Protein backbone atom coordinates (compact mmCIF):
# COMPACT_ATOMS: atom_id res chain seq x y z
CA MET A 1 0.26 0.25 0.01
CA VAL A 2 1.12 3.51 -0.71
CA ASN A 3 1.75 6.04 2.08
CA VAL A 4 0.28 9.11 0.77
CA MET A 5 1.96 11.13 3.38
CA SER A 6 5.75 10.22 1.56
CA LEU A 7 5.14 11.04 -2.12
CA PRO A 8 5.92 14.78 -3.05
CA ASP A 9 2.86 17.42 -3.33
CA GLY A 10 2.01 16.92 -6.71
CA ALA A 11 1.11 13.14 -6.08
CA LYS A 12 -0.49 13.56 -3.26
CA ASN A 13 -3.01 16.41 -4.82
CA PHE A 14 -3.45 14.03 -7.92
CA PHE A 15 -3.97 11.35 -5.14
CA GLU A 16 -6.76 13.35 -3.56
CA GLU A 17 -8.06 14.37 -6.65
CA ILE A 18 -8.53 10.96 -8.13
CA LYS A 19 -10.61 9.86 -4.03
CA LYS A 20 -13.00 12.99 -4.44
CA ASP A 21 -13.90 12.08 -7.58
CA ALA A 22 -13.58 8.48 -7.18
CA GLY A 23 -16.28 9.21 -4.18
CA ASN A 24 -18.62 11.46 -6.56
CA LEU A 25 -18.13 8.71 -9.61
CA VAL A 26 -20.18 6.28 -6.10
CA ASN A 27 -22.29 9.64 -4.98
CA ASN A 28 -23.76 9.72 -8.89
CA LYS A 29 -22.25 13.25 -8.74
CA GLY A 30 -21.01 12.41 -12.51
CA GLU A 31 -23.15 14.29 -15.04
CA VAL A 32 -24.08 11.43 -18.17
CA ASN A 33 -25.88 11.38 -21.55
CA ILE A 34 -26.76 7.30 -22.38
CA ASP A 35 -28.97 9.32 -25.14
CA VAL A 36 -25.66 10.22 -26.59
CA PHE A 37 -24.43 6.14 -27.39
CA PHE A 38 -27.95 6.03 -29.56
CA ASN A 39 -28.56 9.33 -31.22
CA PRO A 40 -25.11 10.95 -31.10
CA LYS A 41 -25.60 13.52 -34.00
CA LYS A 42 -28.35 14.93 -32.07
CA TYR A 43 -25.57 16.43 -29.25
CA ALA A 44 -22.82 17.14 -32.06
CA ILE A 45 -20.40 20.47 -31.31
CA CYS A 46 -16.94 21.11 -32.97
CA LEU A 47 -14.19 20.79 -31.26
CA ALA A 48 -10.56 21.92 -31.35
CA VAL A 49 -8.05 18.69 -32.05
CA ASN A 50 -5.48 19.88 -29.80
CA LYS A 51 -8.22 20.41 -27.51
CA ILE A 52 -9.15 16.20 -28.24
CA VAL A 53 -7.15 13.10 -26.33
CA ALA A 54 -7.22 9.81 -27.34
CA ASP A 55 -6.02 6.44 -27.34
CA ASN A 56 -3.00 5.52 -29.65
CA LYS A 57 -4.02 1.59 -29.90
CA VAL A 58 -5.74 1.95 -33.10
CA SER A 59 -5.13 -0.28 -36.18
CA LYS A 60 -3.94 1.04 -39.64
CA GLU A 61 -6.04 -0.48 -41.20
CA GLY A 62 -9.18 1.40 -39.39
CA VAL A 63 -7.51 4.43 -39.38
CA GLU A 64 -7.11 3.71 -43.42
CA TYR A 65 -11.12 2.63 -43.98
CA TYR A 66 -12.14 6.00 -41.76
CA LYS A 67 -9.86 8.03 -43.72
CA LEU A 68 -11.49 6.55 -47.35
CA LYS A 69 -14.66 7.56 -45.96
CA ILE A 70 -14.02 10.60 -44.83
CA LYS A 71 -12.39 11.25 -48.73
CA ASN A 72 -15.51 10.26 -50.28
CA LYS A 73 -17.61 12.34 -48.11
CA GLU A 74 -19.73 9.60 -46.60
CA LYS A 75 -21.80 9.76 -43.52
CA ILE A 76 -19.78 9.45 -40.09
CA ASN A 77 -21.12 9.17 -36.62
CA PRO A 78 -19.29 12.50 -34.26
CA LEU A 79 -16.92 11.57 -32.18
CA ILE A 80 -18.21 9.75 -28.43
CA VAL A 81 -16.70 12.49 -26.33
CA VAL A 82 -16.61 13.36 -22.75
CA LYS A 83 -15.11 16.91 -21.18
CA HIS A 84 -12.58 16.83 -18.81
CA PRO A 85 -14.44 18.47 -15.19
CA HIS A 86 -11.81 21.09 -14.66
CA LYS A 87 -9.64 21.65 -18.20
CA ASP A 88 -10.80 22.41 -21.23
CA LYS A 89 -9.93 19.03 -22.95
CA TYR A 90 -12.12 16.28 -23.94
CA ALA A 91 -11.32 12.41 -24.57
CA VAL A 92 -12.77 9.51 -26.79
CA LEU A 93 -14.96 7.03 -25.32
CA ASP A 94 -15.77 6.03 -28.88
CA GLY A 95 -14.02 6.98 -31.84
CA HIS A 96 -10.73 6.22 -32.11
CA HIS A 97 -9.70 5.36 -35.58
CA ARG A 98 -11.99 8.42 -36.73
CA PHE A 99 -10.42 10.40 -34.68
CA TYR A 100 -6.83 9.62 -36.02
CA ALA A 101 -8.10 9.95 -39.64
CA TYR A 102 -9.18 13.15 -38.71
CA VAL A 103 -5.79 14.23 -37.53
CA GLN A 104 -4.18 11.99 -40.37
CA LEU A 105 -5.91 14.32 -43.35
CA GLY A 106 -4.77 17.55 -41.19
CA LYS A 107 -8.49 18.23 -39.81
CA LYS A 108 -8.75 21.51 -37.63
CA GLU A 109 -11.66 20.63 -36.09
CA ILE A 110 -13.95 17.56 -35.24
CA SER A 111 -17.48 16.69 -35.43
CA CYS A 112 -18.23 15.76 -31.33
CA ALA A 113 -21.15 14.63 -29.12
CA LEU A 114 -20.74 15.34 -25.39
CA ALA A 115 -21.49 12.53 -23.78
CA GLY A 116 -21.25 14.81 -20.46
CA ASP A 117 -18.85 15.85 -17.98
CA TYR A 118 -17.14 13.21 -16.43
CA SER A 119 -14.79 12.39 -13.18
CA ASN A 120 -11.10 13.20 -13.52
CA VAL A 121 -10.96 9.48 -12.99
CA ILE A 122 -13.00 8.37 -15.90
CA PHE A 123 -11.11 10.83 -18.52
CA TYR A 124 -7.69 9.52 -17.21
CA LEU A 125 -8.67 5.97 -17.12
CA THR A 126 -9.89 6.94 -20.91
CA LYS A 127 -7.12 8.51 -21.87
CA LYS A 128 -4.38 6.55 -20.93
CA GLY A 129 -6.15 3.82 -23.18
CA TYR A 130 -7.28 1.85 -20.29
CA LEU A 131 -11.07 1.38 -21.59
CA GLN A 132 -10.04 0.49 -24.96
CA PRO A 133 -9.32 -2.80 -25.65
CA SER A 134 -5.53 -3.60 -27.36
CA ILE A 135 -5.72 -4.33 -31.37
CA GLU A 136 -4.32 -7.86 -30.69
CA PHE A 137 -7.62 -8.53 -28.56
CA THR A 138 -9.94 -6.61 -30.88
CA ASN A 139 -8.63 -8.65 -33.82
CA GLU A 140 -9.40 -11.82 -31.84
CA LEU A 141 -12.54 -11.24 -31.10
CA ARG A 142 -13.14 -9.99 -35.13
CA ARG A 143 -11.67 -13.73 -36.43
CA PRO A 144 -15.03 -15.21 -36.04
CA VAL A 145 -16.78 -12.77 -36.98
CA LYS A 146 -15.03 -12.52 -40.14
CA ARG A 147 -14.23 -16.32 -41.11
CA LEU A 148 -18.64 -16.29 -41.01
CA HIS A 149 -19.14 -13.40 -43.49
CA GLU A 150 -16.51 -15.18 -45.81
CA ASN A 151 -18.83 -18.86 -45.01
CA LEU A 152 -22.19 -16.82 -45.92
CA LYS A 153 -20.84 -14.99 -48.66
CA GLU A 154 -19.31 -18.55 -50.30
CA PHE A 155 -22.57 -20.27 -49.72
CA LEU A 156 -24.66 -17.31 -51.18
CA ASP A 157 -22.57 -17.30 -54.44
CA ASN A 158 -22.74 -21.25 -54.35
CA PHE A 159 -25.68 -21.18 -54.11
CA LEU A 160 -26.50 -17.82 -56.41
CA GLY A 161 -25.04 -19.77 -59.14
CA GLN A 162 -27.11 -23.22 -59.29
CA LEU A 163 -30.15 -20.66 -59.32
CA GLN A 164 -28.42 -19.54 -63.10
């Protein structure tokens, strides 16, 4: 166990802030807008790229996919972000690949849906990527779905070929 009193002042302040924010989170003092996940466009705001932090555990393929969609002017949902309660910064909850696609394309502002003003703890965990699974984990989850999709496509191609 860490003795908080033996830490430098900056670290003590950090732990005190986390303790306070964790208490707020447990006591439901953080404002959470669940509807933003179902209707992100309804809550869209434009944010400067330099005010947004995102986890960098993204796949190159995912970023390239969204870059192509952006270049082709296809509809893309806004990023879902949370605002830091004390700073003018926002952390991406959903849309990490889209964020990096916009950044790589040189966009200065991005459409974002504000999910709420969460505690520093949630902001910190999101910023550091603790709520975003690793690329390897995500790819392993997608592998059976991709295999099913390939098998289904092969079945339909064969079935349609037999009808002709």
